[in-house]
Amino acid sequence: MFDEEFDGPIAWGERWVGDSTSAFRYGDHNPGDDKLDWLSPSAVTVADGVATFTASPGTRTLENGRQSWTTGLLTTEGSAEDFMVRVGDYVETRVKLPSAAGAWPALWTWYNGTNEIDSFEYHPDNPDLLELTNGLRRVAFSYRNPAVVRPGDWVDIGVRYGQDCNDWYVDGVKVFSDNVGTGGGWAAYLILNLSVEAGRYHQPPADLTPFTYAADYVRVWR
């Protein structure tokens, strides 16, 4: 139903929006969620079938007085295509996990202030761990596997959204079932992004050196 292979320029406005999301309090930044992010479409580039998200020190000051980092986000919310995932869909991405302190990549969903299901979140200070979360039902699982979850390596991560149970897959192997699901009528927009950790829960950037995160594809089956 949805196939983004990043084999051409980002379809800004048509398929993806990169300068704002309703998941961020101020649209393009969200310091209350322990993020140093300030969104810019220029922070997402495409080459050789891969989207690269680059986080670099910004020039703006956040409401809490911290220096912002310019970084990238892709969401289907607000695009002309207006694509939403729904109950029964399977979404999968292939990503190259970052190694820099402060990196906080994720693929997740959002709609109308809720409906968050995290396909994954990753923090390099836990180098072999993926955080798999049903934010709607407040169920979370820490998947640890140093054989497949490693900074600098590619990994396939997928979720089957179910009314009564969501199932997470890593490299094609089911690793977690939450046994609570999304409930009936659930739908949400996709968000693929690189946030920058402010330091409340995980290590912030060690210095002002830019860092990157990459995605090979985002695919949805219905």
N, C-alpha and C. Protein backbone atom coordinates (compact mmCIF):
# COMPACT_ATOMS: atom_id res chain seq x y z
N MET A 1 0.81 -1.21 0.00
CA MET A 1 0.00 0.00 0.00
C MET A 1 0.85 1.27 0.00
N PHE A 2 2.06 1.15 0.49
CA PHE A 2 2.95 2.31 0.61
C PHE A 2 4.37 1.81 0.45
N ASP A 3 5.13 2.44 -0.44
CA ASP A 3 6.47 1.95 -0.73
C ASP A 3 7.40 3.13 -0.98
N GLU A 4 8.23 3.44 -0.02
CA GLU A 4 9.22 4.51 -0.15
C GLU A 4 10.60 3.86 -0.18
N GLU A 5 11.22 3.87 -1.35
CA GLU A 5 12.53 3.25 -1.53
C GLU A 5 13.67 4.27 -1.53
N PHE A 6 13.34 5.55 -1.45
CA PHE A 6 14.34 6.62 -1.45
C PHE A 6 15.27 6.52 -2.67
N ASP A 7 14.66 6.19 -3.82
CA ASP A 7 15.43 6.09 -5.05
C ASP A 7 15.33 7.34 -5.91
N GLY A 8 14.82 8.41 -5.32
CA GLY A 8 14.73 9.71 -5.99
C GLY A 8 14.60 10.79 -4.94
N PRO A 9 14.50 12.03 -5.36
CA PRO A 9 14.36 13.14 -4.40
C PRO A 9 13.14 12.96 -3.50
N ILE A 10 13.23 13.46 -2.27
CA ILE A 10 12.10 13.42 -1.35
C ILE A 10 10.92 14.17 -1.96
N ALA A 11 9.75 13.52 -1.96
CA ALA A 11 8.54 14.15 -2.52
C ALA A 11 7.92 15.06 -1.46
N TRP A 12 8.59 16.20 -1.20
CA TRP A 12 8.11 17.13 -0.18
C TRP A 12 6.74 17.66 -0.54
N GLY A 13 5.84 17.62 0.41
CA GLY A 13 4.49 18.11 0.20
C GLY A 13 3.56 17.08 -0.40
N GLU A 14 4.07 16.27 -1.31
CA GLU A 14 3.25 15.24 -1.95
C GLU A 14 3.12 14.01 -1.07
N ARG A 15 4.27 13.46 -0.63
CA ARG A 15 4.27 12.26 0.21
C ARG A 15 4.73 12.55 1.63
N TRP A 16 5.69 13.44 1.76
CA TRP A 16 6.30 13.69 3.06
C TRP A 16 6.26 15.18 3.41
N VAL A 17 6.21 15.45 4.71
CA VAL A 17 6.38 16.79 5.27
C VAL A 17 7.58 16.73 6.22
N GLY A 18 8.43 17.75 6.19
CA GLY A 18 9.65 17.70 7.00
C GLY A 18 9.90 18.89 7.89
N ASP A 19 8.98 19.85 7.88
CA ASP A 19 9.22 21.05 8.68
C ASP A 19 8.29 21.21 9.87
N SER A 20 7.36 20.24 10.05
CA SER A 20 6.42 20.38 11.16
C SER A 20 5.71 19.05 11.41
N THR A 21 5.36 18.81 12.65
CA THR A 21 4.54 17.67 13.03
C THR A 21 3.71 18.04 14.25
N SER A 22 2.48 17.56 14.33
CA SER A 22 1.64 17.85 15.49
C SER A 22 2.14 17.10 16.73
N ALA A 23 3.07 16.18 16.55
CA ALA A 23 3.65 15.48 17.69
C ALA A 23 4.63 16.37 18.46
N PHE A 24 5.06 17.48 17.85
CA PHE A 24 5.96 18.42 18.50
C PHE A 24 5.14 19.63 18.97
N ARG A 25 5.34 20.04 20.20
CA ARG A 25 4.53 21.12 20.79
C ARG A 25 4.55 22.38 19.93
N TYR A 26 5.75 22.74 19.42
CA TYR A 26 5.87 23.97 18.65
C TYR A 26 5.93 23.70 17.14
N GLY A 27 5.54 22.52 16.74
CA GLY A 27 5.52 22.18 15.33
C GLY A 27 6.86 21.74 14.79
N ASP A 28 7.87 22.62 14.89
CA ASP A 28 9.19 22.27 14.38
C ASP A 28 10.22 22.02 15.48
N HIS A 29 9.80 22.10 16.74
CA HIS A 29 10.69 21.75 17.85
C HIS A 29 9.84 21.39 19.06
N ASN A 30 10.48 20.68 20.01
CA ASN A 30 9.71 20.11 21.11
C ASN A 30 10.60 19.88 22.33
N PRO A 31 11.13 20.94 22.94
CA PRO A 31 12.08 20.77 24.04
C PRO A 31 11.51 20.08 25.27
N GLY A 32 10.20 20.12 25.46
CA GLY A 32 9.60 19.48 26.63
C GLY A 32 9.69 17.98 26.61
N ASP A 33 10.00 17.40 25.46
CA ASP A 33 10.14 15.95 25.34
C ASP A 33 11.61 15.54 25.34
N ASP A 34 12.45 16.34 25.99
CA ASP A 34 13.89 16.05 26.12
C ASP A 34 14.58 16.01 24.76
N LYS A 35 14.13 16.85 23.83
CA LYS A 35 14.70 16.89 22.50
C LYS A 35 15.35 18.26 22.23
N LEU A 36 16.49 18.23 21.56
CA LEU A 36 17.15 19.45 21.11
C LEU A 36 16.79 19.77 19.67
N ASP A 37 15.89 19.02 19.07
CA ASP A 37 15.54 19.13 17.65
C ASP A 37 15.03 20.51 17.26
N TRP A 38 15.43 20.92 16.06
CA TRP A 38 14.73 21.97 15.31
C TRP A 38 14.67 21.47 13.88
N LEU A 39 13.48 21.21 13.39
CA LEU A 39 13.32 20.50 12.13
C LEU A 39 13.64 21.36 10.91
N SER A 40 14.28 20.72 9.93
CA SER A 40 14.54 21.35 8.65
C SER A 40 14.56 20.28 7.57
N PRO A 41 13.79 20.44 6.49
CA PRO A 41 13.84 19.47 5.40
C PRO A 41 15.25 19.31 4.81
N SER A 42 16.07 20.33 4.93
CA SER A 42 17.43 20.25 4.39
C SER A 42 18.29 19.23 5.11
N ALA A 43 17.84 18.78 6.28
CA ALA A 43 18.60 17.80 7.06
C ALA A 43 18.35 16.37 6.60
N VAL A 44 17.49 16.19 5.58
CA VAL A 44 17.25 14.86 5.01
C VAL A 44 17.67 14.89 3.55
N THR A 45 18.63 14.07 3.19
CA THR A 45 19.12 13.99 1.82
C THR A 45 19.02 12.57 1.31
N VAL A 46 18.99 12.40 0.00
CA VAL A 46 18.86 11.09 -0.61
C VAL A 46 19.98 10.88 -1.62
N ALA A 47 20.59 9.69 -1.57
CA ALA A 47 21.61 9.30 -2.55
C ALA A 47 21.72 7.79 -2.56
N ASP A 48 21.82 7.21 -3.75
CA ASP A 48 22.03 5.77 -3.91
C ASP A 48 20.98 4.94 -3.19
N GLY A 49 19.73 5.41 -3.20
CA GLY A 49 18.64 4.65 -2.61
C GLY A 49 18.57 4.68 -1.11
N VAL A 50 19.23 5.64 -0.49
CA VAL A 50 19.25 5.75 0.97
C VAL A 50 18.96 7.18 1.38
N ALA A 51 18.09 7.34 2.38
CA ALA A 51 17.83 8.65 2.98
C ALA A 51 18.75 8.82 4.18
N THR A 52 19.48 9.92 4.22
CA THR A 52 20.38 10.21 5.33
C THR A 52 19.85 11.40 6.11
N PHE A 53 19.68 11.21 7.41
CA PHE A 53 19.26 12.26 8.33
C PHE A 53 20.52 12.78 9.03
N THR A 54 20.74 14.08 8.96
CA THR A 54 21.93 14.67 9.57
C THR A 54 21.52 15.65 10.67
N ALA A 55 22.07 15.45 11.85
CA ALA A 55 21.86 16.37 12.97
C ALA A 55 23.11 17.20 13.16
N SER A 56 22.95 18.52 13.23
CA SER A 56 24.09 19.41 13.40
C SER A 56 23.71 20.58 14.30
N PRO A 57 24.66 21.17 15.00
CA PRO A 57 24.35 22.28 15.90
C PRO A 57 23.63 23.40 15.17
N GLY A 58 22.55 23.90 15.78
CA GLY A 58 21.76 24.94 15.15
C GLY A 58 22.07 26.32 15.70
N THR A 59 21.38 27.30 15.16
CA THR A 59 21.60 28.69 15.56
C THR A 59 20.50 29.21 16.47
N ARG A 60 19.42 28.45 16.61
CA ARG A 60 18.29 28.91 17.42
C ARG A 60 18.43 28.44 18.87
N THR A 61 17.80 29.18 19.77
CA THR A 61 17.78 28.84 21.19
C THR A 61 16.38 28.35 21.54
N LEU A 62 16.31 27.21 22.21
CA LEU A 62 15.03 26.64 22.62
C LEU A 62 14.45 27.39 23.81
N GLU A 63 13.18 27.15 24.09
CA GLU A 63 12.49 27.84 25.18
C GLU A 63 13.14 27.59 26.54
N ASN A 64 13.84 26.47 26.68
CA ASN A 64 14.50 26.17 27.95
C ASN A 64 15.93 26.71 28.01
N GLY A 65 16.31 27.47 26.98
CA GLY A 65 17.63 28.09 26.98
C GLY A 65 18.73 27.24 26.35
N ARG A 66 18.41 26.02 25.94
CA ARG A 66 19.40 25.14 25.33
C ARG A 66 19.60 25.49 23.86
N GLN A 67 20.79 25.20 23.36
CA GLN A 67 21.06 25.38 21.94
C GLN A 67 20.35 24.28 21.15
N SER A 68 19.70 24.65 20.08
CA SER A 68 19.02 23.66 19.25
C SER A 68 20.02 22.94 18.34
N TRP A 69 19.55 21.79 17.83
CA TRP A 69 20.26 21.07 16.78
C TRP A 69 19.31 20.97 15.58
N THR A 70 19.78 21.34 14.43
CA THR A 70 19.00 21.18 13.21
C THR A 70 19.02 19.71 12.81
N THR A 71 17.84 19.13 12.61
CA THR A 71 17.78 17.71 12.30
C THR A 71 16.56 17.41 11.43
N GLY A 72 16.45 16.14 11.02
CA GLY A 72 15.46 15.78 10.02
C GLY A 72 14.35 14.88 10.51
N LEU A 73 13.19 15.05 9.88
CA LEU A 73 12.01 14.24 10.18
C LEU A 73 11.18 14.12 8.91
N LEU A 74 10.62 12.94 8.71
CA LEU A 74 9.67 12.70 7.62
C LEU A 74 8.36 12.24 8.23
N THR A 75 7.27 12.91 7.89
CA THR A 75 5.96 12.46 8.33
C THR A 75 4.98 12.53 7.17
N THR A 76 4.04 11.62 7.15
CA THR A 76 2.99 11.65 6.13
C THR A 76 1.88 12.63 6.50
N GLU A 77 1.89 13.10 7.74
CA GLU A 77 0.88 14.06 8.18
C GLU A 77 1.02 15.39 7.44
N GLY A 78 -0.07 15.88 6.88
CA GLY A 78 -0.06 17.15 6.19
C GLY A 78 0.35 17.07 4.73
N SER A 79 0.69 15.88 4.26
CA SER A 79 1.06 15.72 2.85
C SER A 79 -0.19 15.58 1.99
N ALA A 80 -0.03 15.79 0.69
CA ALA A 80 -1.16 15.64 -0.23
C ALA A 80 -1.65 14.21 -0.27
N GLU A 81 -0.74 13.26 -0.15
CA GLU A 81 -1.10 11.85 -0.16
C GLU A 81 -1.87 11.46 1.10
N ASP A 82 -1.51 12.10 2.23
CA ASP A 82 -2.23 11.92 3.50
C ASP A 82 -2.31 10.45 3.91
N PHE A 83 -1.21 9.72 3.73
CA PHE A 83 -1.24 8.28 4.02
C PHE A 83 -1.25 8.03 5.52
N MET A 84 -2.12 7.08 5.94
CA MET A 84 -2.19 6.65 7.33
C MET A 84 -2.15 5.13 7.39
N VAL A 85 -1.45 4.60 8.40
CA VAL A 85 -1.49 3.17 8.66
C VAL A 85 -2.72 2.87 9.50
N ARG A 86 -3.21 1.62 9.38
CA ARG A 86 -4.47 1.23 10.03
C ARG A 86 -4.34 -0.16 10.64
N VAL A 87 -5.35 -0.55 11.39
CA VAL A 87 -5.38 -1.88 12.00
C VAL A 87 -5.23 -2.93 10.90
N GLY A 88 -4.34 -3.88 11.12
CA GLY A 88 -4.08 -4.94 10.15
C GLY A 88 -2.88 -4.70 9.28
N ASP A 89 -2.38 -3.46 9.23
CA ASP A 89 -1.23 -3.16 8.39
C ASP A 89 0.06 -3.69 9.00
N TYR A 90 1.03 -3.95 8.12
CA TYR A 90 2.39 -4.30 8.54
C TYR A 90 3.33 -3.26 7.96
N VAL A 91 4.08 -2.58 8.82
CA VAL A 91 5.04 -1.57 8.39
C VAL A 91 6.45 -2.07 8.69
N GLU A 92 7.35 -1.84 7.74
CA GLU A 92 8.73 -2.29 7.93
C GLU A 92 9.69 -1.23 7.40
N THR A 93 10.80 -1.06 8.09
CA THR A 93 11.87 -0.18 7.64
C THR A 93 13.20 -0.88 7.80
N ARG A 94 14.15 -0.46 7.00
CA ARG A 94 15.53 -0.93 7.14
C ARG A 94 16.38 0.30 7.43
N VAL A 95 17.06 0.28 8.57
CA VAL A 95 17.81 1.46 9.01
C VAL A 95 19.23 1.09 9.39
N LYS A 96 20.11 2.07 9.28
CA LYS A 96 21.48 1.93 9.75
C LYS A 96 21.60 2.68 11.06
N LEU A 97 21.81 1.96 12.13
CA LEU A 97 21.80 2.56 13.46
C LEU A 97 23.02 3.44 13.68
N PRO A 98 22.83 4.60 14.29
CA PRO A 98 23.94 5.53 14.53
C PRO A 98 24.78 5.11 15.73
N SER A 99 25.97 5.69 15.82
CA SER A 99 26.87 5.38 16.95
C SER A 99 27.15 6.60 17.82
N ALA A 100 26.79 7.78 17.37
CA ALA A 100 27.13 9.00 18.11
C ALA A 100 26.26 9.19 19.33
N ALA A 101 26.86 9.61 20.42
CA ALA A 101 26.10 9.96 21.62
C ALA A 101 25.11 11.07 21.28
N GLY A 102 23.90 10.95 21.81
CA GLY A 102 22.86 11.94 21.57
C GLY A 102 21.92 11.59 20.45
N ALA A 103 22.28 10.64 19.60
CA ALA A 103 21.40 10.23 18.50
C ALA A 103 20.18 9.49 19.05
N TRP A 104 19.02 9.78 18.48
CA TRP A 104 17.77 9.19 18.95
C TRP A 104 16.86 8.94 17.73
N PRO A 105 17.17 7.94 16.93
CA PRO A 105 16.33 7.64 15.77
C PRO A 105 15.10 6.84 16.15
N ALA A 106 14.06 6.94 15.30
CA ALA A 106 12.83 6.20 15.57
C ALA A 106 11.96 6.14 14.33
N LEU A 107 11.11 5.12 14.30
CA LEU A 107 9.96 5.07 13.40
C LEU A 107 8.75 4.89 14.29
N TRP A 108 7.76 5.80 14.15
CA TRP A 108 6.61 5.78 15.06
C TRP A 108 5.39 6.35 14.37
N THR A 109 4.27 6.30 15.08
CA THR A 109 3.01 6.79 14.53
C THR A 109 2.41 7.84 15.44
N TRP A 110 1.55 8.68 14.85
CA TRP A 110 0.93 9.77 15.63
C TRP A 110 -0.33 10.25 14.93
N TYR A 111 -1.36 10.54 15.73
CA TYR A 111 -2.56 11.14 15.17
C TYR A 111 -3.37 11.79 16.28
N ASN A 112 -3.69 13.06 16.12
CA ASN A 112 -4.61 13.77 16.99
C ASN A 112 -4.19 13.68 18.46
N GLY A 113 -2.89 13.83 18.71
CA GLY A 113 -2.39 13.85 20.07
C GLY A 113 -2.21 12.50 20.73
N THR A 114 -2.36 11.42 19.96
CA THR A 114 -2.26 10.08 20.55
C THR A 114 -1.93 9.07 19.45
N ASN A 115 -2.35 7.82 19.66
CA ASN A 115 -2.18 6.73 18.69
C ASN A 115 -0.71 6.41 18.40
N GLU A 116 0.15 6.64 19.37
CA GLU A 116 1.58 6.39 19.16
C GLU A 116 1.92 4.91 19.35
N ILE A 117 2.48 4.33 18.29
CA ILE A 117 3.09 3.01 18.34
C ILE A 117 4.51 3.18 17.82
N ASP A 118 5.50 2.83 18.62
CA ASP A 118 6.89 2.97 18.22
C ASP A 118 7.39 1.65 17.62
N SER A 119 7.62 1.65 16.31
CA SER A 119 8.28 0.48 15.70
C SER A 119 9.61 0.25 16.38
N PHE A 120 10.31 1.35 16.64
CA PHE A 120 11.54 1.27 17.43
C PHE A 120 11.98 2.67 17.84
N GLU A 121 12.71 2.71 18.93
CA GLU A 121 13.55 3.84 19.29
C GLU A 121 14.92 3.26 19.63
N TYR A 122 15.97 4.07 19.41
CA TYR A 122 17.32 3.57 19.63
C TYR A 122 18.19 4.66 20.22
N HIS A 123 19.03 4.27 21.20
CA HIS A 123 19.99 5.18 21.81
C HIS A 123 21.34 4.48 21.84
N PRO A 124 22.39 5.07 21.29
CA PRO A 124 23.69 4.41 21.24
C PRO A 124 24.31 4.08 22.58
N ASP A 125 23.85 4.73 23.68
CA ASP A 125 24.40 4.35 24.98
C ASP A 125 23.87 3.00 25.45
N ASN A 126 22.85 2.47 24.75
CA ASN A 126 22.42 1.07 24.88
C ASN A 126 22.61 0.43 23.51
N PRO A 127 23.84 0.11 23.13
CA PRO A 127 24.16 -0.17 21.73
C PRO A 127 23.50 -1.41 21.14
N ASP A 128 23.07 -2.34 21.98
CA ASP A 128 22.47 -3.59 21.46
C ASP A 128 20.98 -3.68 21.76
N LEU A 129 20.30 -2.54 22.02
CA LEU A 129 18.93 -2.56 22.50
C LEU A 129 18.02 -1.68 21.64
N LEU A 130 16.86 -2.23 21.28
CA LEU A 130 15.79 -1.48 20.62
C LEU A 130 14.63 -1.34 21.59
N GLU A 131 14.08 -0.15 21.69
CA GLU A 131 12.90 0.08 22.52
C GLU A 131 11.65 -0.06 21.64
N LEU A 132 10.78 -1.00 21.99
CA LEU A 132 9.57 -1.31 21.23
C LEU A 132 8.38 -0.96 22.12
N THR A 133 7.54 -0.02 21.68
CA THR A 133 6.56 0.55 22.61
C THR A 133 5.20 0.74 21.98
N ASN A 134 4.18 0.31 22.70
CA ASN A 134 2.80 0.68 22.40
C ASN A 134 2.45 1.82 23.34
N GLY A 135 2.63 3.06 22.87
CA GLY A 135 2.37 4.21 23.72
C GLY A 135 0.90 4.41 24.01
N LEU A 136 0.05 3.87 23.16
CA LEU A 136 -1.39 4.00 23.35
C LEU A 136 -1.85 3.21 24.56
N ARG A 137 -1.29 2.01 24.73
CA ARG A 137 -1.68 1.12 25.83
C ARG A 137 -0.63 1.06 26.93
N ARG A 138 0.45 1.84 26.80
CA ARG A 138 1.51 1.92 27.80
C ARG A 138 2.14 0.55 28.08
N VAL A 139 2.51 -0.12 26.99
CA VAL A 139 3.23 -1.39 27.08
C VAL A 139 4.55 -1.22 26.32
N ALA A 140 5.66 -1.58 26.97
CA ALA A 140 6.97 -1.40 26.35
C ALA A 140 7.82 -2.64 26.55
N PHE A 141 8.73 -2.86 25.61
CA PHE A 141 9.63 -4.00 25.67
C PHE A 141 11.01 -3.57 25.19
N SER A 142 12.04 -3.97 25.92
CA SER A 142 13.41 -3.70 25.52
C SER A 142 13.98 -4.94 24.87
N TYR A 143 14.19 -4.87 23.57
CA TYR A 143 14.73 -6.02 22.83
C TYR A 143 16.24 -5.87 22.73
N ARG A 144 16.94 -6.80 23.35
CA ARG A 144 18.40 -6.74 23.36
C ARG A 144 18.97 -7.93 22.59
N ASN A 145 19.82 -7.65 21.59
CA ASN A 145 20.43 -8.72 20.80
C ASN A 145 21.69 -8.17 20.13
N PRO A 146 22.85 -8.37 20.75
CA PRO A 146 24.08 -7.82 20.19
C PRO A 146 24.47 -8.41 18.85
N ALA A 147 23.84 -9.52 18.46
CA ALA A 147 24.17 -10.14 17.18
C ALA A 147 23.56 -9.38 16.01
N VAL A 148 22.44 -8.67 16.24
CA VAL A 148 21.76 -7.98 15.14
C VAL A 148 21.53 -6.49 15.40
N VAL A 149 21.61 -6.05 16.63
CA VAL A 149 21.41 -4.64 16.97
C VAL A 149 22.77 -4.06 17.35
N ARG A 150 23.37 -3.35 16.40
CA ARG A 150 24.72 -2.83 16.61
C ARG A 150 24.87 -1.48 15.92
N PRO A 151 25.49 -0.50 16.59
CA PRO A 151 25.72 0.78 15.93
C PRO A 151 26.55 0.61 14.67
N GLY A 152 26.11 1.29 13.62
CA GLY A 152 26.82 1.21 12.35
C GLY A 152 26.35 0.10 11.44
N ASP A 153 25.45 -0.76 11.91
CA ASP A 153 24.94 -1.88 11.12
C ASP A 153 23.51 -1.62 10.68
N TRP A 154 23.13 -2.28 9.58
CA TRP A 154 21.76 -2.23 9.09
C TRP A 154 20.90 -3.28 9.79
N VAL A 155 19.63 -2.94 10.03
CA VAL A 155 18.70 -3.87 10.66
C VAL A 155 17.30 -3.60 10.10
N ASP A 156 16.53 -4.68 9.90
CA ASP A 156 15.14 -4.58 9.45
C ASP A 156 14.23 -4.66 10.67
N ILE A 157 13.29 -3.71 10.76
CA ILE A 157 12.38 -3.64 11.91
C ILE A 157 10.96 -3.48 11.39
N GLY A 158 10.05 -4.34 11.88
CA GLY A 158 8.67 -4.26 11.41
C GLY A 158 7.67 -4.45 12.53
N VAL A 159 6.44 -3.95 12.30
CA VAL A 159 5.34 -4.11 13.25
C VAL A 159 4.07 -4.46 12.49
N ARG A 160 3.36 -5.46 12.98
CA ARG A 160 2.00 -5.74 12.51
C ARG A 160 1.04 -5.16 13.53
N TYR A 161 0.25 -4.16 13.09
CA TYR A 161 -0.72 -3.52 13.98
C TYR A 161 -1.98 -4.39 14.05
N GLY A 162 -2.34 -4.81 15.26
CA GLY A 162 -3.53 -5.63 15.43
C GLY A 162 -4.48 -5.04 16.46
N GLN A 163 -5.74 -5.28 16.29
CA GLN A 163 -6.73 -4.75 17.22
C GLN A 163 -6.50 -5.25 18.64
N ASP A 164 -6.10 -6.51 18.78
CA ASP A 164 -5.91 -7.11 20.10
C ASP A 164 -4.45 -7.41 20.42
N CYS A 165 -3.57 -7.31 19.41
CA CYS A 165 -2.15 -7.62 19.64
C CYS A 165 -1.30 -7.00 18.53
N ASN A 166 -0.26 -6.29 18.91
CA ASN A 166 0.74 -5.81 17.96
C ASN A 166 1.96 -6.73 18.04
N ASP A 167 2.51 -7.07 16.89
CA ASP A 167 3.67 -7.96 16.83
C ASP A 167 4.85 -7.23 16.20
N TRP A 168 6.01 -7.29 16.87
CA TRP A 168 7.23 -6.65 16.38
C TRP A 168 8.18 -7.71 15.81
N TYR A 169 8.85 -7.37 14.72
CA TYR A 169 9.79 -8.26 14.05
C TYR A 169 11.13 -7.55 13.86
N VAL A 170 12.21 -8.28 14.07
CA VAL A 170 13.55 -7.77 13.80
C VAL A 170 14.26 -8.76 12.89
N ASP A 171 14.70 -8.29 11.75
CA ASP A 171 15.30 -9.14 10.72
C ASP A 171 14.42 -10.35 10.41
N GLY A 172 13.11 -10.12 10.35
CA GLY A 172 12.16 -11.14 9.95
C GLY A 172 11.73 -12.10 11.05
N VAL A 173 12.23 -11.92 12.26
CA VAL A 173 11.92 -12.81 13.37
C VAL A 173 11.02 -12.07 14.37
N LYS A 174 9.89 -12.67 14.75
CA LYS A 174 9.02 -12.03 15.73
C LYS A 174 9.70 -12.03 17.09
N VAL A 175 9.82 -10.84 17.69
CA VAL A 175 10.57 -10.72 18.95
C VAL A 175 9.70 -10.26 20.10
N PHE A 176 8.48 -9.75 19.81
CA PHE A 176 7.63 -9.26 20.89
C PHE A 176 6.20 -9.14 20.42
N SER A 177 5.26 -9.57 21.29
CA SER A 177 3.82 -9.36 21.10
C SER A 177 3.29 -8.68 22.34
N ASP A 178 2.55 -7.57 22.17
CA ASP A 178 2.14 -6.83 23.36
C ASP A 178 0.83 -7.33 23.97
N ASN A 179 0.05 -8.12 23.22
CA ASN A 179 -1.19 -8.73 23.70
C ASN A 179 -2.24 -7.71 24.15
N VAL A 180 -2.14 -6.50 23.67
CA VAL A 180 -3.16 -5.49 23.95
C VAL A 180 -3.63 -4.78 22.67
N GLY A 181 -2.74 -4.67 21.67
CA GLY A 181 -3.12 -4.12 20.37
C GLY A 181 -3.44 -2.64 20.38
N THR A 182 -4.14 -2.25 19.33
CA THR A 182 -4.47 -0.85 19.13
C THR A 182 -5.92 -0.52 19.46
N GLY A 183 -6.76 -1.57 19.55
CA GLY A 183 -8.19 -1.34 19.63
C GLY A 183 -8.76 -1.12 18.25
N GLY A 184 -10.07 -1.10 18.14
CA GLY A 184 -10.72 -0.94 16.85
C GLY A 184 -10.68 0.48 16.32
N GLY A 185 -10.63 0.62 15.02
CA GLY A 185 -10.68 1.92 14.39
C GLY A 185 -9.42 2.74 14.45
N TRP A 186 -8.32 2.14 14.91
CA TRP A 186 -7.06 2.87 15.05
C TRP A 186 -6.49 3.23 13.68
N ALA A 187 -5.96 4.43 13.56
CA ALA A 187 -5.25 4.88 12.36
C ALA A 187 -4.29 5.98 12.78
N ALA A 188 -3.18 6.12 12.05
CA ALA A 188 -2.19 7.13 12.43
C ALA A 188 -1.25 7.42 11.27
N TYR A 189 -0.59 8.57 11.35
CA TYR A 189 0.43 8.94 10.38
C TYR A 189 1.77 8.33 10.77
N LEU A 190 2.63 8.15 9.78
CA LEU A 190 3.98 7.65 10.01
C LEU A 190 4.94 8.80 10.28
N ILE A 191 5.91 8.56 11.15
CA ILE A 191 7.00 9.50 11.41
C ILE A 191 8.31 8.71 11.44
N LEU A 192 9.24 9.11 10.59
CA LEU A 192 10.60 8.55 10.59
C LEU A 192 11.54 9.71 10.85
N ASN A 193 12.34 9.63 11.90
CA ASN A 193 13.13 10.82 12.25
C ASN A 193 14.39 10.49 13.02
N LEU A 194 15.22 11.52 13.13
CA LEU A 194 16.41 11.50 13.98
C LEU A 194 16.27 12.64 14.97
N SER A 195 15.97 12.31 16.22
CA SER A 195 15.96 13.32 17.28
C SER A 195 17.34 13.40 17.93
N VAL A 196 17.51 14.47 18.70
CA VAL A 196 18.76 14.70 19.43
C VAL A 196 18.43 14.75 20.91
N GLU A 197 18.99 13.83 21.65
CA GLU A 197 18.73 13.67 23.09
C GLU A 197 19.30 14.85 23.88
N ALA A 198 18.47 15.42 24.77
CA ALA A 198 18.92 16.55 25.58
C ALA A 198 19.64 16.12 26.85
N GLY A 199 19.53 14.85 27.23
CA GLY A 199 20.33 14.36 28.36
C GLY A 199 19.56 13.96 29.59
N ARG A 200 18.24 14.07 29.58
CA ARG A 200 17.47 13.70 30.77
C ARG A 200 17.46 12.19 30.99
N TYR A 201 17.35 11.43 29.89
CA TYR A 201 17.23 9.98 30.01
C TYR A 201 18.42 9.23 29.41
N HIS A 202 19.06 9.84 28.43
CA HIS A 202 20.20 9.21 27.76
C HIS A 202 21.26 10.26 27.50
N GLN A 203 22.44 9.81 27.06
CA GLN A 203 23.55 10.71 26.86
C GLN A 203 23.23 11.75 25.78
N PRO A 204 23.51 13.03 26.05
CA PRO A 204 23.39 14.06 25.02
C PRO A 204 24.61 14.00 24.10
N PRO A 205 24.65 14.80 23.06
CA PRO A 205 25.84 14.83 22.20
C PRO A 205 27.11 15.11 23.00
N ALA A 206 28.17 14.40 22.64
CA ALA A 206 29.43 14.55 23.37
C ALA A 206 30.13 15.86 23.02
N ASP A 207 29.89 16.36 21.81
CA ASP A 207 30.48 17.62 21.37
C ASP A 207 29.58 18.18 20.27
N LEU A 208 30.09 19.09 19.48
CA LEU A 208 29.29 19.74 18.45
C LEU A 208 29.51 19.14 17.06
N THR A 209 29.99 17.92 17.01
CA THR A 209 30.21 17.24 15.73
C THR A 209 28.89 16.72 15.17
N PRO A 210 28.53 17.06 13.94
CA PRO A 210 27.30 16.51 13.34
C PRO A 210 27.35 14.99 13.27
N PHE A 211 26.16 14.37 13.29
CA PHE A 211 26.08 12.91 13.16
C PHE A 211 24.89 12.55 12.29
N THR A 212 24.88 11.29 11.83
CA THR A 212 23.87 10.87 10.86
C THR A 212 23.21 9.55 11.25
N TYR A 213 22.11 9.29 10.54
CA TYR A 213 21.33 8.06 10.64
C TYR A 213 20.74 7.85 9.26
N ALA A 214 20.61 6.60 8.83
CA ALA A 214 20.18 6.34 7.46
C ALA A 214 19.04 5.34 7.41
N ALA A 215 18.19 5.49 6.38
CA ALA A 215 17.07 4.57 6.15
C ALA A 215 17.08 4.14 4.69
N ASP A 216 16.92 2.85 4.46
CA ASP A 216 16.92 2.29 3.12
C ASP A 216 15.53 2.29 2.49
N TYR A 217 14.50 2.04 3.32
CA TYR A 217 13.13 2.04 2.81
C TYR A 217 12.13 2.11 3.95
N VAL A 218 10.89 2.44 3.60
CA VAL A 218 9.73 2.30 4.47
C VAL A 218 8.64 1.68 3.61
N ARG A 219 8.11 0.51 4.04
CA ARG A 219 7.10 -0.20 3.26
C ARG A 219 5.93 -0.58 4.16
N VAL A 220 4.73 -0.51 3.60
CA VAL A 220 3.53 -0.88 4.33
C VAL A 220 2.71 -1.85 3.48
N TRP A 221 2.36 -2.98 4.08
CA TRP A 221 1.46 -3.96 3.46
C TRP A 221 0.11 -3.92 4.14
N ARG A 222 -0.94 -4.06 3.36
CA ARG A 222 -2.28 -4.05 3.93
C ARG A 222 -3.03 -5.29 3.44
